[in-house]
N, C-alpha and C. Protein backbone atom coordinates (compact mmCIF):
# COMPACT_ATOMS: atom_id res chain seq x y z
N MET A 1 -84.67 35.50 47.32
CA MET A 1 -85.45 34.56 46.54
C MET A 1 -86.90 35.05 46.49
N GLN A 2 -87.49 34.96 45.33
CA GLN A 2 -88.89 35.33 45.19
C GLN A 2 -89.76 34.28 45.87
N HIS A 3 -91.01 34.62 46.10
CA HIS A 3 -91.90 33.76 46.88
C HIS A 3 -92.65 32.74 46.04
N PHE A 4 -92.79 31.60 46.62
CA PHE A 4 -93.68 30.57 46.11
C PHE A 4 -95.00 30.74 46.85
N THR A 5 -96.11 30.48 46.20
CA THR A 5 -97.43 30.66 46.81
C THR A 5 -98.19 29.34 46.77
N ARG A 6 -98.75 28.97 47.91
CA ARG A 6 -99.59 27.77 47.94
C ARG A 6 -100.98 28.19 47.45
N VAL A 7 -101.41 27.63 46.33
CA VAL A 7 -102.69 27.95 45.71
C VAL A 7 -103.82 27.20 46.40
N SER A 8 -103.58 25.91 46.67
CA SER A 8 -104.61 25.10 47.34
C SER A 8 -103.96 23.98 48.12
N THR A 9 -104.70 23.50 49.10
CA THR A 9 -104.26 22.36 49.91
C THR A 9 -105.46 21.47 50.16
N ASP A 10 -105.34 20.20 49.84
CA ASP A 10 -106.42 19.24 50.08
C ASP A 10 -105.88 18.07 50.87
N VAL A 11 -106.65 17.64 51.86
CA VAL A 11 -106.29 16.47 52.64
C VAL A 11 -106.69 15.23 51.85
N ILE A 12 -105.70 14.40 51.54
CA ILE A 12 -105.95 13.16 50.82
C ILE A 12 -106.39 12.07 51.79
N HIS A 13 -105.69 12.02 52.93
CA HIS A 13 -105.99 10.97 53.91
C HIS A 13 -105.61 11.45 55.31
N PRO A 14 -106.60 11.62 56.19
CA PRO A 14 -106.28 11.96 57.57
C PRO A 14 -106.10 10.70 58.42
N TRP A 15 -105.14 10.72 59.33
CA TRP A 15 -105.01 9.62 60.28
C TRP A 15 -104.27 10.13 61.51
N ALA A 16 -104.74 9.65 62.67
CA ALA A 16 -104.16 10.04 63.96
C ALA A 16 -103.93 11.55 63.99
N MET A 17 -102.72 11.96 64.25
CA MET A 17 -102.39 13.39 64.32
C MET A 17 -101.82 13.90 62.99
N TYR A 18 -101.75 13.04 62.00
CA TYR A 18 -101.15 13.38 60.71
C TYR A 18 -102.21 13.45 59.62
N SER A 19 -101.82 14.05 58.50
CA SER A 19 -102.63 14.01 57.29
C SER A 19 -101.71 13.94 56.10
N LEU A 20 -102.10 13.16 55.10
CA LEU A 20 -101.41 13.19 53.82
C LEU A 20 -102.09 14.29 53.02
N VAL A 21 -101.30 15.24 52.55
CA VAL A 21 -101.82 16.46 51.95
C VAL A 21 -101.32 16.60 50.51
N HIS A 22 -102.20 17.07 49.63
CA HIS A 22 -101.83 17.42 48.26
C HIS A 22 -101.94 18.93 48.15
N ALA A 23 -100.88 19.56 47.67
CA ALA A 23 -100.88 21.02 47.53
C ALA A 23 -100.55 21.41 46.09
N VAL A 24 -101.19 22.47 45.64
CA VAL A 24 -100.84 23.09 44.36
C VAL A 24 -100.07 24.36 44.71
N ILE A 25 -98.87 24.48 44.14
CA ILE A 25 -97.97 25.60 44.43
C ILE A 25 -97.74 26.39 43.14
N GLU A 26 -97.61 27.70 43.30
CA GLU A 26 -97.25 28.53 42.16
C GLU A 26 -95.85 29.08 42.38
N SER A 27 -94.99 28.89 41.38
CA SER A 27 -93.61 29.36 41.46
C SER A 27 -93.56 30.86 41.19
N PRO A 28 -92.43 31.49 41.47
CA PRO A 28 -92.30 32.93 41.19
C PRO A 28 -92.53 33.29 39.72
N SER A 29 -92.29 32.33 38.80
CA SER A 29 -92.50 32.61 37.38
C SER A 29 -93.94 32.33 36.93
N GLY A 30 -94.80 31.90 37.88
CA GLY A 30 -96.20 31.66 37.55
C GLY A 30 -96.55 30.22 37.22
N GLU A 31 -95.55 29.35 37.18
CA GLU A 31 -95.80 27.93 36.90
C GLU A 31 -96.44 27.27 38.12
N GLN A 32 -97.50 26.50 37.88
CA GLN A 32 -98.12 25.75 38.97
C GLN A 32 -97.61 24.30 38.94
N PHE A 33 -97.37 23.76 40.14
CA PHE A 33 -96.92 22.38 40.26
C PHE A 33 -97.55 21.76 41.50
N HIS A 34 -97.48 20.43 41.60
CA HIS A 34 -98.15 19.68 42.66
C HIS A 34 -97.12 19.04 43.58
N ARG A 35 -97.42 19.03 44.87
CA ARG A 35 -96.59 18.35 45.85
C ARG A 35 -97.49 17.65 46.87
N THR A 36 -97.05 16.49 47.33
CA THR A 36 -97.75 15.74 48.35
C THR A 36 -96.80 15.58 49.53
N PHE A 37 -97.32 15.81 50.74
CA PHE A 37 -96.48 15.70 51.93
C PHE A 37 -97.33 15.34 53.14
N VAL A 38 -96.66 15.02 54.22
CA VAL A 38 -97.33 14.69 55.47
C VAL A 38 -97.41 15.94 56.33
N ASP A 39 -98.64 16.30 56.71
CA ASP A 39 -98.86 17.42 57.62
C ASP A 39 -98.79 16.87 59.05
N SER A 40 -98.02 17.51 59.90
CA SER A 40 -97.75 17.02 61.24
C SER A 40 -97.88 18.13 62.26
N PRO A 41 -98.28 17.80 63.49
CA PRO A 41 -98.32 18.83 64.53
C PRO A 41 -96.94 19.19 65.06
N GLY A 42 -95.93 18.43 64.65
CA GLY A 42 -94.58 18.67 65.15
C GLY A 42 -94.31 17.85 66.40
N ALA A 43 -93.11 18.02 66.94
CA ALA A 43 -92.69 17.23 68.08
C ALA A 43 -91.72 18.03 68.95
N VAL A 44 -91.34 17.42 70.04
CA VAL A 44 -90.32 17.98 70.93
C VAL A 44 -89.28 16.91 71.20
N GLY A 45 -88.08 17.34 71.56
CA GLY A 45 -87.02 16.44 72.01
C GLY A 45 -86.36 17.06 73.22
N VAL A 46 -85.96 16.22 74.17
CA VAL A 46 -85.40 16.73 75.43
C VAL A 46 -84.02 16.12 75.67
N VAL A 47 -83.03 16.99 75.78
CA VAL A 47 -81.70 16.57 76.20
C VAL A 47 -81.66 16.79 77.71
N ALA A 48 -81.86 15.71 78.46
CA ALA A 48 -81.88 15.78 79.92
C ALA A 48 -80.49 15.42 80.43
N ILE A 49 -79.90 16.34 81.20
CA ILE A 49 -78.52 16.19 81.67
C ILE A 49 -78.50 16.13 83.19
N THR A 50 -77.81 15.12 83.72
CA THR A 50 -77.66 15.00 85.17
C THR A 50 -76.57 15.95 85.65
N GLU A 51 -76.44 16.09 86.97
CA GLU A 51 -75.42 16.97 87.53
C GLU A 51 -74.01 16.54 87.16
N ASP A 52 -73.81 15.23 86.96
CA ASP A 52 -72.48 14.74 86.58
C ASP A 52 -72.34 14.61 85.05
N ARG A 53 -73.13 15.37 84.33
CA ARG A 53 -73.08 15.49 82.86
C ARG A 53 -73.32 14.18 82.12
N LYS A 54 -74.28 13.43 82.61
CA LYS A 54 -74.74 12.27 81.86
C LYS A 54 -76.05 12.64 81.20
N VAL A 55 -76.24 12.15 79.98
CA VAL A 55 -77.45 12.43 79.22
C VAL A 55 -78.37 11.21 79.30
N VAL A 56 -79.65 11.48 79.37
CA VAL A 56 -80.66 10.43 79.44
C VAL A 56 -81.03 10.03 78.01
N LEU A 57 -80.88 8.75 77.71
CA LEU A 57 -81.24 8.23 76.39
C LEU A 57 -82.25 7.10 76.54
N VAL A 58 -83.15 7.01 75.60
CA VAL A 58 -84.14 5.93 75.59
C VAL A 58 -83.90 5.09 74.34
N THR A 59 -84.07 3.80 74.50
CA THR A 59 -83.91 2.88 73.37
C THR A 59 -85.25 2.19 73.17
N GLN A 60 -85.76 2.31 71.95
CA GLN A 60 -87.08 1.74 71.67
C GLN A 60 -87.18 1.30 70.21
N TYR A 61 -88.13 0.42 69.95
CA TYR A 61 -88.41 -0.04 68.60
C TYR A 61 -89.10 1.08 67.82
N ARG A 62 -88.68 1.29 66.58
CA ARG A 62 -89.29 2.26 65.69
C ARG A 62 -89.78 1.52 64.45
N ALA A 63 -91.10 1.39 64.33
CA ALA A 63 -91.70 0.59 63.25
C ALA A 63 -91.31 1.09 61.86
N ALA A 64 -91.27 2.40 61.66
CA ALA A 64 -90.93 2.94 60.33
C ALA A 64 -89.52 2.53 59.91
N MET A 65 -88.63 2.37 60.87
CA MET A 65 -87.26 1.97 60.57
C MET A 65 -87.09 0.45 60.63
N GLY A 66 -88.06 -0.23 61.27
CA GLY A 66 -87.94 -1.67 61.45
C GLY A 66 -86.76 -2.04 62.32
N ASP A 67 -86.45 -1.16 63.27
CA ASP A 67 -85.25 -1.36 64.08
C ASP A 67 -85.41 -0.69 65.43
N VAL A 68 -84.50 -0.96 66.31
CA VAL A 68 -84.45 -0.35 67.62
C VAL A 68 -83.46 0.82 67.54
N LEU A 69 -83.88 2.00 68.00
CA LEU A 69 -83.03 3.19 67.96
C LEU A 69 -82.84 3.74 69.37
N THR A 70 -81.70 4.36 69.59
CA THR A 70 -81.44 5.08 70.83
C THR A 70 -81.58 6.56 70.54
N GLU A 71 -82.37 7.23 71.39
CA GLU A 71 -82.74 8.62 71.14
C GLU A 71 -82.83 9.40 72.45
N ILE A 72 -82.94 10.71 72.34
CA ILE A 72 -83.30 11.53 73.49
C ILE A 72 -84.81 11.35 73.69
N PRO A 73 -85.32 11.52 74.92
CA PRO A 73 -86.77 11.47 75.11
C PRO A 73 -87.45 12.50 74.20
N ALA A 74 -88.56 12.11 73.62
CA ALA A 74 -89.23 12.97 72.65
C ALA A 74 -90.68 12.54 72.49
N GLY A 75 -91.44 13.39 71.82
CA GLY A 75 -92.81 13.02 71.55
C GLY A 75 -93.52 14.04 70.69
N LEU A 76 -94.64 13.60 70.15
CA LEU A 76 -95.48 14.45 69.31
C LEU A 76 -96.13 15.57 70.10
N ARG A 77 -96.34 16.67 69.44
CA ARG A 77 -97.13 17.77 70.01
C ARG A 77 -98.60 17.45 69.71
N ASP A 78 -99.09 16.42 70.41
CA ASP A 78 -100.41 15.86 70.10
C ASP A 78 -101.54 16.39 70.98
N VAL A 79 -101.27 17.39 71.80
CA VAL A 79 -102.32 18.03 72.59
C VAL A 79 -102.54 19.42 71.98
N PRO A 80 -103.67 19.63 71.33
CA PRO A 80 -103.91 20.92 70.66
C PRO A 80 -103.75 22.10 71.63
N GLY A 81 -103.00 23.09 71.17
CA GLY A 81 -102.80 24.31 71.95
C GLY A 81 -101.75 24.22 73.03
N GLU A 82 -101.17 23.05 73.24
CA GLU A 82 -100.16 22.88 74.29
C GLU A 82 -98.84 23.51 73.83
N GLU A 83 -98.25 24.31 74.69
CA GLU A 83 -96.96 24.94 74.38
C GLU A 83 -95.87 23.86 74.28
N PRO A 84 -94.88 24.06 73.41
CA PRO A 84 -93.82 23.06 73.25
C PRO A 84 -93.12 22.71 74.57
N LEU A 85 -92.88 23.68 75.42
CA LEU A 85 -92.21 23.40 76.69
C LEU A 85 -93.05 22.46 77.55
N VAL A 86 -94.35 22.67 77.58
CA VAL A 86 -95.24 21.81 78.36
C VAL A 86 -95.22 20.39 77.80
N THR A 87 -95.21 20.28 76.47
CA THR A 87 -95.12 18.96 75.85
C THR A 87 -93.80 18.30 76.23
N ALA A 88 -92.71 19.06 76.20
CA ALA A 88 -91.40 18.51 76.56
C ALA A 88 -91.40 18.03 78.01
N GLN A 89 -91.98 18.80 78.90
CA GLN A 89 -92.04 18.40 80.31
C GLN A 89 -92.85 17.12 80.47
N ARG A 90 -93.96 17.03 79.78
CA ARG A 90 -94.83 15.85 79.84
C ARG A 90 -94.10 14.63 79.29
N GLU A 91 -93.44 14.78 78.15
CA GLU A 91 -92.75 13.66 77.52
C GLU A 91 -91.57 13.16 78.37
N LEU A 92 -90.83 14.07 78.99
CA LEU A 92 -89.71 13.66 79.84
C LEU A 92 -90.22 12.82 81.01
N ALA A 93 -91.33 13.22 81.59
CA ALA A 93 -91.91 12.45 82.70
C ALA A 93 -92.43 11.10 82.21
N GLU A 94 -93.19 11.11 81.11
CA GLU A 94 -93.78 9.87 80.60
C GLU A 94 -92.73 8.84 80.22
N GLU A 95 -91.72 9.27 79.47
CA GLU A 95 -90.74 8.32 78.92
C GLU A 95 -89.60 7.99 79.87
N ALA A 96 -89.06 9.01 80.54
CA ALA A 96 -87.85 8.80 81.34
C ALA A 96 -88.12 8.82 82.84
N GLY A 97 -89.34 9.17 83.25
CA GLY A 97 -89.62 9.23 84.68
C GLY A 97 -88.85 10.34 85.37
N LEU A 98 -88.76 11.49 84.70
CA LEU A 98 -88.00 12.62 85.24
C LEU A 98 -88.75 13.93 85.08
N GLU A 99 -88.50 14.83 86.01
CA GLU A 99 -88.90 16.23 85.81
C GLU A 99 -87.66 17.07 86.05
N ALA A 100 -87.68 18.29 85.52
CA ALA A 100 -86.51 19.15 85.59
C ALA A 100 -86.90 20.51 86.17
N SER A 101 -85.99 21.09 86.93
CA SER A 101 -86.23 22.42 87.49
C SER A 101 -85.72 23.52 86.58
N GLU A 102 -84.86 23.18 85.61
CA GLU A 102 -84.29 24.17 84.70
C GLU A 102 -84.53 23.72 83.26
N TRP A 103 -85.07 24.62 82.45
CA TRP A 103 -85.34 24.33 81.04
C TRP A 103 -84.76 25.42 80.17
N GLN A 104 -84.19 25.02 79.05
CA GLN A 104 -83.66 25.97 78.08
C GLN A 104 -84.00 25.49 76.68
N TRP A 105 -84.56 26.38 75.87
CA TRP A 105 -84.84 26.06 74.47
C TRP A 105 -83.52 26.11 73.71
N LEU A 106 -83.20 25.05 72.97
CA LEU A 106 -81.95 25.00 72.21
C LEU A 106 -82.12 25.29 70.73
N GLY A 107 -83.30 25.02 70.19
CA GLY A 107 -83.50 25.28 68.77
C GLY A 107 -84.62 24.44 68.20
N ARG A 108 -84.80 24.60 66.89
CA ARG A 108 -85.86 23.89 66.15
C ARG A 108 -85.23 23.32 64.89
N ILE A 109 -85.59 22.07 64.58
CA ILE A 109 -85.09 21.47 63.35
C ILE A 109 -86.27 21.01 62.50
N ALA A 110 -86.05 21.02 61.20
CA ALA A 110 -87.01 20.45 60.26
C ALA A 110 -86.69 18.97 60.13
N SER A 111 -87.68 18.13 60.41
CA SER A 111 -87.44 16.68 60.45
C SER A 111 -87.01 16.12 59.10
N ALA A 112 -87.80 16.31 58.09
CA ALA A 112 -87.53 15.82 56.74
C ALA A 112 -88.30 16.71 55.79
N PRO A 113 -87.80 17.92 55.49
CA PRO A 113 -88.58 18.93 54.78
C PRO A 113 -89.04 18.57 53.38
N GLY A 114 -88.50 17.53 52.79
CA GLY A 114 -88.99 17.09 51.49
C GLY A 114 -90.20 16.16 51.60
N VAL A 115 -90.50 15.72 52.83
CA VAL A 115 -91.56 14.75 53.05
C VAL A 115 -92.65 15.26 53.99
N THR A 116 -92.27 16.11 54.95
CA THR A 116 -93.21 16.55 55.97
C THR A 116 -92.89 17.97 56.43
N ASN A 117 -93.91 18.63 56.97
CA ASN A 117 -93.71 19.96 57.56
C ASN A 117 -93.38 19.87 59.04
N SER A 118 -93.13 18.68 59.55
CA SER A 118 -92.84 18.46 60.96
C SER A 118 -91.55 19.16 61.38
N THR A 119 -91.63 19.84 62.50
CA THR A 119 -90.44 20.40 63.14
C THR A 119 -90.34 19.81 64.54
N VAL A 120 -89.13 19.84 65.08
CA VAL A 120 -88.89 19.36 66.43
C VAL A 120 -88.26 20.49 67.23
N GLU A 121 -88.92 20.86 68.32
CA GLU A 121 -88.39 21.85 69.26
C GLU A 121 -87.50 21.10 70.24
N ILE A 122 -86.24 21.52 70.36
CA ILE A 122 -85.27 20.83 71.21
C ILE A 122 -85.04 21.65 72.48
N PHE A 123 -85.11 20.95 73.62
CA PHE A 123 -84.92 21.59 74.93
C PHE A 123 -83.81 20.90 75.71
N LEU A 124 -83.12 21.69 76.53
CA LEU A 124 -82.16 21.18 77.50
C LEU A 124 -82.85 21.20 78.85
N ALA A 125 -82.79 20.07 79.56
CA ALA A 125 -83.42 19.96 80.88
C ALA A 125 -82.34 19.61 81.91
N ARG A 126 -82.33 20.37 83.01
CA ARG A 126 -81.36 20.14 84.09
C ARG A 126 -82.09 20.20 85.42
N GLY A 127 -81.39 19.83 86.49
CA GLY A 127 -82.02 19.80 87.80
C GLY A 127 -83.06 18.69 87.86
N LEU A 128 -82.64 17.47 87.53
CA LEU A 128 -83.55 16.35 87.35
C LEU A 128 -83.93 15.68 88.67
N THR A 129 -85.20 15.31 88.77
CA THR A 129 -85.69 14.50 89.88
C THR A 129 -86.60 13.42 89.32
N ASP A 130 -86.67 12.31 90.05
CA ASP A 130 -87.47 11.17 89.61
C ASP A 130 -88.96 11.39 89.83
N VAL A 131 -89.76 10.94 88.85
CA VAL A 131 -91.22 10.89 88.95
C VAL A 131 -91.64 9.56 88.31
N PRO A 132 -92.87 9.13 88.52
CA PRO A 132 -93.30 7.88 87.87
C PRO A 132 -93.34 8.03 86.35
N THR A 133 -92.96 6.96 85.65
CA THR A 133 -93.09 6.95 84.19
C THR A 133 -94.55 6.67 83.84
N ASP A 134 -94.91 6.98 82.61
CA ASP A 134 -96.27 6.73 82.12
C ASP A 134 -96.17 6.32 80.65
N PRO A 135 -95.67 5.09 80.40
CA PRO A 135 -95.46 4.68 79.01
C PRO A 135 -96.77 4.60 78.23
N HIS A 136 -96.68 4.94 76.94
CA HIS A 136 -97.83 4.90 76.03
C HIS A 136 -97.50 3.99 74.86
N GLY A 137 -98.14 2.84 74.81
CA GLY A 137 -97.98 1.94 73.67
C GLY A 137 -96.92 0.88 73.91
N PRO A 138 -96.95 -0.15 73.06
CA PRO A 138 -96.03 -1.27 73.22
C PRO A 138 -94.56 -0.90 73.10
N GLU A 139 -94.22 0.07 72.25
CA GLU A 139 -92.82 0.47 72.12
C GLU A 139 -92.29 1.02 73.44
N GLU A 140 -93.07 1.91 74.06
CA GLU A 140 -92.63 2.50 75.32
C GLU A 140 -92.71 1.50 76.47
N ASP A 141 -93.61 0.53 76.38
CA ASP A 141 -93.67 -0.52 77.41
C ASP A 141 -92.36 -1.31 77.46
N HIS A 142 -91.67 -1.41 76.32
CA HIS A 142 -90.44 -2.18 76.24
C HIS A 142 -89.21 -1.29 76.08
N MET A 143 -89.37 -0.01 76.30
CA MET A 143 -88.29 0.96 76.18
C MET A 143 -87.30 0.78 77.34
N THR A 144 -86.02 1.00 77.05
CA THR A 144 -85.03 1.03 78.12
C THR A 144 -84.46 2.43 78.23
N ILE A 145 -84.04 2.78 79.42
CA ILE A 145 -83.49 4.10 79.71
C ILE A 145 -82.04 3.92 80.14
N SER A 146 -81.17 4.75 79.59
CA SER A 146 -79.76 4.69 79.98
C SER A 146 -79.23 6.09 80.24
N TYR A 147 -78.17 6.15 81.03
CA TYR A 147 -77.48 7.40 81.35
C TYR A 147 -76.06 7.26 80.82
N VAL A 148 -75.71 8.14 79.88
CA VAL A 148 -74.43 8.05 79.19
C VAL A 148 -73.72 9.39 79.35
N PRO A 149 -72.41 9.38 79.65
CA PRO A 149 -71.70 10.66 79.70
C PRO A 149 -71.93 11.44 78.39
N LEU A 150 -72.20 12.72 78.52
CA LEU A 150 -72.49 13.55 77.34
C LEU A 150 -71.36 13.45 76.33
N SER A 151 -70.13 13.46 76.78
CA SER A 151 -68.99 13.39 75.84
C SER A 151 -69.03 12.09 75.03
N GLU A 152 -69.40 10.98 75.67
CA GLU A 152 -69.51 9.71 74.95
C GLU A 152 -70.68 9.73 73.96
N ALA A 153 -71.81 10.32 74.36
CA ALA A 153 -72.97 10.40 73.46
C ALA A 153 -72.63 11.23 72.23
N VAL A 154 -71.93 12.35 72.43
CA VAL A 154 -71.52 13.19 71.30
C VAL A 154 -70.59 12.40 70.38
N GLU A 155 -69.69 11.63 70.96
CA GLU A 155 -68.78 10.80 70.15
C GLU A 155 -69.57 9.76 69.36
N GLU A 156 -70.63 9.21 69.94
CA GLU A 156 -71.47 8.24 69.23
C GLU A 156 -72.19 8.91 68.05
N VAL A 157 -72.56 10.19 68.19
CA VAL A 157 -73.14 10.93 67.07
C VAL A 157 -72.11 11.07 65.96
N VAL A 158 -70.91 11.48 66.31
CA VAL A 158 -69.85 11.69 65.33
C VAL A 158 -69.51 10.39 64.61
N ARG A 159 -69.55 9.27 65.32
CA ARG A 159 -69.25 7.96 64.73
C ARG A 159 -70.42 7.40 63.92
N GLY A 160 -71.59 8.04 64.01
CA GLY A 160 -72.76 7.58 63.27
C GLY A 160 -73.54 6.49 63.98
N ARG A 161 -73.24 6.24 65.23
CA ARG A 161 -73.95 5.20 65.98
C ARG A 161 -75.26 5.70 66.57
N LEU A 162 -75.36 7.00 66.79
CA LEU A 162 -76.63 7.64 67.16
C LEU A 162 -77.04 8.43 65.92
N SER A 163 -77.98 7.88 65.16
CA SER A 163 -78.28 8.45 63.85
C SER A 163 -79.59 9.22 63.79
N ASP A 164 -80.40 9.18 64.83
CA ASP A 164 -81.65 9.92 64.85
C ASP A 164 -81.34 11.42 64.81
N SER A 165 -82.00 12.15 63.90
CA SER A 165 -81.65 13.55 63.68
C SER A 165 -81.88 14.43 64.90
N LYS A 166 -83.02 14.29 65.57
CA LYS A 166 -83.28 15.15 66.74
C LYS A 166 -82.28 14.87 67.85
N THR A 167 -81.88 13.60 67.97
CA THR A 167 -80.90 13.22 68.98
C THR A 167 -79.53 13.80 68.64
N SER A 168 -79.12 13.65 67.39
CA SER A 168 -77.82 14.17 66.97
C SER A 168 -77.73 15.68 67.16
N VAL A 169 -78.71 16.39 66.64
CA VAL A 169 -78.71 17.85 66.75
C VAL A 169 -78.84 18.27 68.21
N GLY A 170 -79.74 17.64 68.94
CA GLY A 170 -79.95 17.98 70.35
C GLY A 170 -78.70 17.82 71.17
N LEU A 171 -78.01 16.68 71.01
CA LEU A 171 -76.79 16.44 71.78
C LEU A 171 -75.70 17.45 71.42
N LEU A 172 -75.55 17.75 70.14
CA LEU A 172 -74.53 18.71 69.72
C LEU A 172 -74.85 20.11 70.24
N LEU A 173 -76.12 20.52 70.17
CA LEU A 173 -76.51 21.84 70.70
C LEU A 173 -76.33 21.92 72.21
N ALA A 174 -76.69 20.86 72.91
CA ALA A 174 -76.54 20.85 74.37
C ALA A 174 -75.05 20.91 74.76
N ASP A 175 -74.24 20.12 74.08
CA ASP A 175 -72.80 20.12 74.35
C ASP A 175 -72.23 21.53 74.13
N ARG A 176 -72.63 22.15 73.06
CA ARG A 176 -72.12 23.51 72.76
C ARG A 176 -72.58 24.50 73.82
N ALA A 177 -73.86 24.44 74.20
CA ALA A 177 -74.39 25.37 75.22
C ALA A 177 -73.68 25.18 76.55
N LEU A 178 -73.45 23.94 76.93
CA LEU A 178 -72.78 23.67 78.21
C LEU A 178 -71.33 24.11 78.18
N ARG A 179 -70.64 23.90 77.06
CA ARG A 179 -69.25 24.34 76.94
C ARG A 179 -69.14 25.87 76.96
N ALA A 180 -70.14 26.53 76.39
CA ALA A 180 -70.14 28.01 76.33
C ALA A 180 -70.63 28.62 77.64
N GLY A 181 -71.14 27.77 78.52
CA GLY A 181 -71.65 28.28 79.79
C GLY A 181 -73.02 28.90 79.69
N THR A 182 -73.73 28.64 78.57
CA THR A 182 -75.08 29.21 78.42
C THR A 182 -76.15 28.19 78.73
N GLY A 183 -75.74 26.97 79.08
CA GLY A 183 -76.72 25.93 79.37
C GLY A 183 -76.60 25.45 80.79
């Protein structure tokens, strides 16, 4: 495929760690067109697995969805210059009250490429020990933590009951890595 070129990018509205951006793009045939999207620092997601193959899931209110979702622990890469693994370690401690002695990068997903440039780095965490939680905001103040057998969590993904994309992909990648003996 020939290349598309970004001619210009202007921030329409900055807020928090995000920006609404307007870009002018030139197609391979020379046609210029406009696109608006959300610029994001990206995020991390952590599939934390206990020795007896239970996965740590958090259930919290998500304002954009207007609903409560069950997900793997995750968070924004909101500390400039922080490596994704360090963000993952911080988020696992903050949300689930856990640290891990073993970490493995499982992959990266594009969150919603038609709307944002956000990607999520997915990690597998093993060798878990308890640490104090450090919730941030009202959603995390009311978050619940559960431990579910990995096989049941994967089945919930297949049934559509766990619909969050980072959670679905993370659980499937972790299950595959563990079955292959690479996780």
